[in-house]
């Protein structure tokens, strides 16, 4: 039975479209997503759709932006909860992988190259950079404490990101040969050895 046409308060339709897009991606994959089908599921007109998103790429950019915003918050919370330091840093790695496992649709859009390069999205660029900067800031703080070796924090951040991203992708694709938390623990141990002063 089709959904009834819904009315939205100002600003709500955009969020509803993003939520419906995430649901579609989770169920059928990114390729199955169309702006029109998302609008039909919500019972809104094409005119209303295009007021918020010019095309599929713009909708996917909004999904990715939301993902990066949520990821950044998770990383910051992990760092603050453990009051920084090594424990906070390792908690950030766990938070990153758990975010990917809990939000695979967002994660695939964030890193799957689905947003076209010719339509750059300012919000997406800002949110992506802010999430990465959270990692860089943590590395700088640990370097100042003397618990992480010196060197270019951006270079170290790229290495750490590559590691946790690899674990995250294997986890959401069901290719890890061990439980997620065990893989995170092992990676943290190896990074602790490799990054120590």
Protein backbone atom coordinates (compact mmCIF):
# COMPACT_ATOMS: atom_id res chain seq x y z
CA UNK A 1 0.00 0.00 0.00
CA UNK A 2 1.53 3.35 -1.03
CA UNK A 3 2.35 5.86 1.66
CA UNK A 4 0.03 8.77 2.19
CA UNK A 5 1.22 12.15 1.01
CA UNK A 6 2.89 13.83 3.94
CA UNK A 7 3.20 17.50 4.79
CA UNK A 8 6.52 18.75 6.11
CA UNK A 9 7.46 21.71 8.22
CA UNK A 10 10.11 23.99 6.79
CA UNK A 11 13.41 22.10 6.60
CA UNK A 12 11.92 18.68 7.33
CA UNK A 13 11.58 17.52 3.73
CA UNK A 14 15.30 17.71 3.10
CA UNK A 15 16.03 15.48 6.13
CA UNK A 16 13.21 13.10 5.15
CA UNK A 17 14.68 12.75 1.65
CA UNK A 18 18.11 11.95 3.07
CA UNK A 19 16.62 9.35 5.44
CA UNK A 20 14.68 7.73 2.59
CA UNK A 21 17.80 7.72 0.41
CA UNK A 22 19.77 5.94 3.15
CA UNK A 23 16.96 3.39 3.50
CA UNK A 24 16.94 2.75 -0.27
CA UNK A 25 20.74 2.37 -0.38
CA UNK A 26 20.67 -0.06 2.54
CA UNK A 27 17.96 -2.15 0.89
CA UNK A 28 18.87 -2.00 -2.81
CA UNK A 29 22.28 -0.33 -3.19
CA UNK A 30 23.36 3.09 -4.43
CA UNK A 31 22.69 2.20 -8.06
CA UNK A 32 18.98 1.70 -7.33
CA UNK A 33 18.60 5.20 -5.88
CA UNK A 34 16.81 7.83 -7.96
CA UNK A 35 15.55 11.21 -6.86
CA UNK A 36 12.14 10.45 -8.34
CA UNK A 37 11.73 7.12 -6.50
CA UNK A 38 12.66 8.72 -3.19
CA UNK A 39 10.10 11.45 -3.79
CA UNK A 40 7.42 8.93 -4.73
CA UNK A 41 8.01 6.95 -1.54
CA UNK A 42 7.49 10.11 0.46
CA UNK A 43 4.56 11.22 -1.68
CA UNK A 44 6.03 14.58 -2.69
CA UNK A 45 5.98 16.34 -6.04
CA UNK A 46 8.95 16.63 -8.38
CA UNK A 47 8.83 20.38 -7.90
CA UNK A 48 9.26 19.98 -4.15
CA UNK A 49 12.13 17.53 -4.71
CA UNK A 50 14.09 19.85 -6.98
CA UNK A 51 13.74 22.70 -4.52
CA UNK A 52 16.00 20.71 -2.21
CA UNK A 53 18.19 18.60 -4.50
CA UNK A 54 19.05 19.33 -8.13
CA UNK A 55 19.86 15.69 -8.90
CA UNK A 56 20.89 12.32 -7.48
CA UNK A 57 24.47 13.50 -6.94
CA UNK A 58 23.25 16.38 -4.76
CA UNK A 59 21.17 13.97 -2.67
CA UNK A 60 24.15 11.63 -2.29
CA UNK A 61 26.31 14.60 -1.25
CA UNK A 62 23.79 15.31 1.53
CA UNK A 63 23.95 11.66 2.64
CA UNK A 64 27.77 11.79 2.69
CA UNK A 65 27.76 15.13 4.55
CA UNK A 66 25.48 13.70 7.22
CA UNK A 67 27.77 10.68 7.48
CA UNK A 68 30.93 12.75 7.95
CA UNK A 69 29.18 14.94 10.54
CA UNK A 70 28.10 11.88 12.52
CA UNK A 71 31.54 10.30 12.21
CA UNK A 72 33.25 13.47 13.46
CA UNK A 73 30.92 13.59 16.46
CA UNK A 74 31.65 9.93 17.27
CA UNK A 75 35.41 10.53 17.06
CA UNK A 76 35.24 13.64 19.24
CA UNK A 77 33.08 11.87 21.81
CA UNK A 78 35.48 8.91 21.98
CA UNK A 79 38.45 11.25 22.51
CA UNK A 80 36.69 13.33 25.18
CA UNK A 81 35.15 10.38 27.03
CA UNK A 82 38.61 8.94 27.64
CA UNK A 83 40.12 12.40 28.29
CA UNK A 84 42.44 12.12 25.31
CA UNK A 85 45.73 10.29 25.56
CA UNK A 86 46.40 6.81 24.23
CA UNK A 87 43.09 5.44 25.48
CA UNK A 88 41.18 8.25 23.80
CA UNK A 89 43.09 7.72 20.57
CA UNK A 90 42.43 4.00 20.52
CA UNK A 91 38.77 4.63 21.33
CA UNK A 92 38.65 6.89 18.26
CA UNK A 93 39.82 3.99 16.09
CA UNK A 94 37.12 1.75 17.53
CA UNK A 95 34.51 4.50 17.09
CA UNK A 96 35.48 4.88 13.44
CA UNK A 97 35.03 1.20 12.62
CA UNK A 98 31.83 0.89 14.64
CA UNK A 99 30.39 3.90 12.82
CA UNK A 100 31.02 2.16 9.48
CA UNK A 101 29.45 -1.10 10.70
CA UNK A 102 26.39 0.70 12.10
CA UNK A 103 25.98 3.04 9.09
CA UNK A 104 27.17 1.09 6.04
CA UNK A 105 24.95 3.04 3.62
CA UNK A 106 26.41 6.36 4.72
CA UNK A 107 29.92 4.90 4.70
CA UNK A 108 29.68 3.53 1.16
CA UNK A 109 28.45 6.90 -0.13
CA UNK A 110 31.14 8.79 1.82
CA UNK A 111 33.99 6.78 0.30
CA UNK A 112 32.55 5.06 -2.78
CA UNK A 113 33.09 7.83 -5.33
CA UNK A 114 29.36 8.17 -5.98
CA UNK A 115 29.29 11.97 -5.71
CA UNK A 116 30.37 13.40 -9.08
CA UNK A 117 33.54 15.50 -9.01
CA UNK A 118 32.07 18.02 -11.43
CA UNK A 119 29.42 18.99 -8.89
CA UNK A 120 31.45 19.88 -5.78
CA UNK A 121 29.43 20.34 -2.63
CA UNK A 122 30.73 22.90 -0.14
CA UNK A 123 29.02 21.30 2.86
CA UNK A 124 30.44 17.89 1.95
CA UNK A 125 33.97 19.31 1.60
CA UNK A 126 33.69 21.07 4.97
CA UNK A 127 32.29 18.04 6.80
CA UNK A 128 34.82 15.64 5.28
CA UNK A 129 37.73 17.93 6.15
CA UNK A 130 36.41 18.43 9.71
CA UNK A 131 36.21 14.67 10.32
CA UNK A 132 39.80 14.20 9.12
CA UNK A 133 40.98 17.20 11.14
CA UNK A 134 39.68 15.53 14.31
CA UNK A 135 42.21 12.75 13.73
CA UNK A 136 45.01 15.21 12.95
CA UNK A 137 44.27 17.23 16.10
CA UNK A 138 44.44 14.08 18.23
CA UNK A 139 47.82 13.16 16.71
CA UNK A 140 49.18 16.66 17.37
CA UNK A 141 47.99 16.45 21.00
CA UNK A 142 49.71 13.07 21.44
CA UNK A 143 52.91 14.40 19.86
CA UNK A 144 52.91 17.29 22.35
CA UNK A 145 52.51 14.77 25.18
CA UNK A 146 55.45 12.82 23.80
CA UNK A 147 53.48 9.60 23.37
CA UNK A 148 53.54 9.61 19.54
CA UNK A 149 56.66 10.02 17.44
CA UNK A 150 57.35 13.32 15.73
CA UNK A 151 56.79 13.86 12.05
CA UNK A 152 54.17 15.31 9.79
CA UNK A 153 50.81 14.78 11.55
CA UNK A 154 49.02 14.74 8.17
CA UNK A 155 51.22 11.88 6.99
CA UNK A 156 50.60 9.94 10.21
CA UNK A 157 46.87 10.64 9.93
CA UNK A 158 46.81 9.22 6.37
CA UNK A 159 48.49 6.03 7.59
CA UNK A 160 46.07 5.62 10.51
CA UNK A 161 43.06 6.44 8.36
CA UNK A 162 44.14 3.87 5.75
CA UNK A 163 44.36 1.23 8.50
CA UNK A 164 40.97 1.86 10.10
CA UNK A 165 39.32 2.40 6.71
CA UNK A 166 40.58 -0.99 5.57
CA UNK A 167 39.20 -2.70 8.66
CA UNK A 168 35.90 -0.83 8.26
CA UNK A 169 35.48 -1.86 4.61
CA UNK A 170 36.32 -5.49 5.33
CA UNK A 171 33.84 -5.44 8.21
CA UNK A 172 30.92 -4.02 6.23
CA UNK A 173 31.66 -6.35 3.32
CA UNK A 174 31.67 -9.34 5.69
CA UNK A 175 35.28 -10.21 4.85
CA UNK A 176 36.93 -9.96 8.27
CA UNK A 177 38.19 -13.34 9.47
CA UNK A 178 37.82 -12.34 13.11
CA UNK A 179 35.35 -10.38 15.24
CA UNK A 180 35.43 -6.63 14.61
CA UNK A 181 36.57 -5.75 18.13
CA UNK A 182 39.41 -8.24 17.89
CA UNK A 183 40.58 -6.69 14.61
CA UNK A 184 40.42 -3.22 16.20
CA UNK A 185 42.39 -4.39 19.24
CA UNK A 186 45.09 -5.96 17.04
CA UNK A 187 45.34 -2.81 14.87
CA UNK A 188 45.61 -0.61 17.97
CA UNK A 189 48.44 -2.77 19.33
CA UNK A 190 50.37 -2.58 16.05
CA UNK A 191 49.83 1.18 15.75
CA UNK A 192 50.88 1.70 19.36
CA UNK A 193 54.20 -0.04 18.54
CA UNK A 194 54.65 1.77 15.24
CA UNK A 195 53.80 5.26 16.47
CA UNK A 196 55.49 5.23 19.87
CA UNK A 197 58.44 7.52 20.50
